[in-house]
Amino acid sequence: MKLADMGHFWVGLEHKKMPYGTVLAGQMYVQYMIPAQVRHPYPIVLVHGGGGSMLHYMGIGEQIRVGALLRAGRISSLSRRSSGPRSRAVSS
């Protein structure tokens, strides 16, 4: 499978002052993958809402597999809720 592009970005990022320092709040981490040959005009956006780490999107178990979407020529984006594993504190 060949990709034209892949990357990640954050949306909704806010700095919140706490007694122990500054933390990031309200953010969502988004990872995207664009296949070399796009055959569908609209992307598939998978929004993670559980307590896991999105491994079920990567082909573990019987869930949706991102690789299958990319091979079908669909742009795919994966997002994590703000309290997920990529949320972390920022020192003040």
Protein backbone atom coordinates (compact mmCIF):
# COMPACT_ATOMS: atom_id res chain seq x y z
CA MET A 1 0.00 0.00 0.00
CA LYS A 2 1.44 3.37 -1.03
CA LEU A 3 0.56 6.63 0.68
CA ALA A 4 0.66 10.09 -0.88
CA ASP A 5 0.80 11.70 2.56
CA MET A 6 0.32 11.03 6.25
CA GLY A 7 0.61 13.14 9.35
CA HIS A 8 -1.13 14.46 12.43
CA PHE A 9 -2.41 17.66 13.99
CA TRP A 10 -4.22 18.95 17.08
CA VAL A 11 -7.52 20.88 17.24
CA GLY A 12 -9.14 22.74 20.15
CA LEU A 13 -5.91 23.10 22.14
CA GLU A 14 -6.22 25.31 25.24
CA HIS A 15 -3.67 25.99 28.00
CA LYS A 16 -5.21 25.78 31.47
CA LYS A 17 -3.42 27.07 34.57
CA MET A 18 -3.52 24.66 37.51
CA PRO A 19 -1.88 24.87 40.97
CA TYR A 20 0.73 22.31 39.83
CA GLY A 21 1.46 23.88 36.41
CA THR A 22 -0.13 24.34 33.00
CA VAL A 23 -2.04 21.53 31.31
CA LEU A 24 -3.51 21.14 27.86
CA ALA A 25 -7.30 20.92 27.80
CA GLY A 26 -10.03 20.41 25.22
CA GLN A 27 -7.69 19.11 22.53
CA MET A 28 -8.25 16.34 20.03
CA TYR A 29 -5.40 14.52 18.31
CA VAL A 30 -6.04 13.69 14.64
CA GLN A 31 -3.94 11.37 12.48
CA TYR A 32 -4.56 11.29 8.71
CA MET A 33 -3.48 9.05 5.83
CA ILE A 34 -3.99 9.74 2.14
CA PRO A 35 -3.60 6.83 -0.31
CA ALA A 36 -1.47 7.32 -3.42
CA GLN A 37 -4.56 6.75 -5.57
CA VAL A 38 -7.68 8.42 -4.17
CA ARG A 39 -10.81 6.81 -5.66
CA HIS A 40 -13.49 8.38 -3.46
CA PRO A 41 -14.04 12.15 -3.03
CA TYR A 42 -14.93 12.13 0.67
CA PRO A 43 -12.73 10.98 3.55
CA ILE A 44 -13.67 8.44 6.21
CA VAL A 45 -13.26 9.93 9.69
CA LEU A 46 -13.02 7.43 12.55
CA VAL A 47 -13.65 9.01 15.95
CA HIS A 48 -12.40 7.04 18.92
CA GLY A 49 -14.74 7.29 21.90
CA GLY A 50 -13.69 4.44 24.17
CA GLY A 51 -10.90 3.87 26.61
CA GLY A 52 -8.49 2.11 24.24
CA SER A 53 -5.72 3.41 22.02
CA MET A 54 -7.32 3.00 18.56
CA LEU A 55 -5.55 -0.32 17.93
CA HIS A 56 -8.84 -1.82 16.74
CA TYR A 57 -8.73 0.65 13.81
CA MET A 58 -5.31 -0.71 12.84
CA GLY A 59 -6.47 -4.27 12.21
CA ILE A 60 -6.57 -5.99 15.58
CA GLY A 61 -9.75 -8.00 16.05
CA GLU A 62 -12.81 -7.81 13.85
CA GLN A 63 -13.20 -4.02 13.80
CA ILE A 64 -12.78 -1.58 10.91
CA ARG A 65 -9.32 -1.73 9.41
CA VAL A 66 -7.70 1.46 8.21
CA GLY A 67 -5.56 -0.48 5.74
CA ALA A 68 -8.68 -1.79 3.98
CA LEU A 69 -10.03 1.76 3.66
CA LEU A 70 -6.73 3.02 2.24
CA ARG A 71 -6.48 0.13 -0.24
CA ALA A 72 -10.00 1.01 -1.40
CA GLY A 73 -8.72 4.52 -2.18
CA ARG A 74 -10.37 6.30 0.75
CA ILE A 75 -8.68 9.12 2.65
CA SER A 76 -8.79 8.18 6.33
CA SER A 77 -8.56 10.25 9.50
CA LEU A 78 -8.37 8.90 13.04
CA SER A 79 -9.11 11.09 16.04
CA ARG A 80 -8.74 10.63 19.79
CA ARG A 81 -10.86 12.25 22.43
CA SER A 82 -9.14 14.84 24.62
CA SER A 83 -8.61 12.57 27.63
CA GLY A 84 -6.92 9.89 25.55
CA PRO A 85 -3.34 8.63 25.67
CA ARG A 86 -1.82 11.58 23.78
CA SER A 87 -3.11 14.16 26.27
CA ARG A 88 -0.34 15.30 28.57
CA ALA A 89 0.66 18.09 30.95
CA VAL A 90 2.91 20.96 29.90
CA SER A 91 5.38 22.32 32.46
CA SER A 92 4.88 25.96 33.39
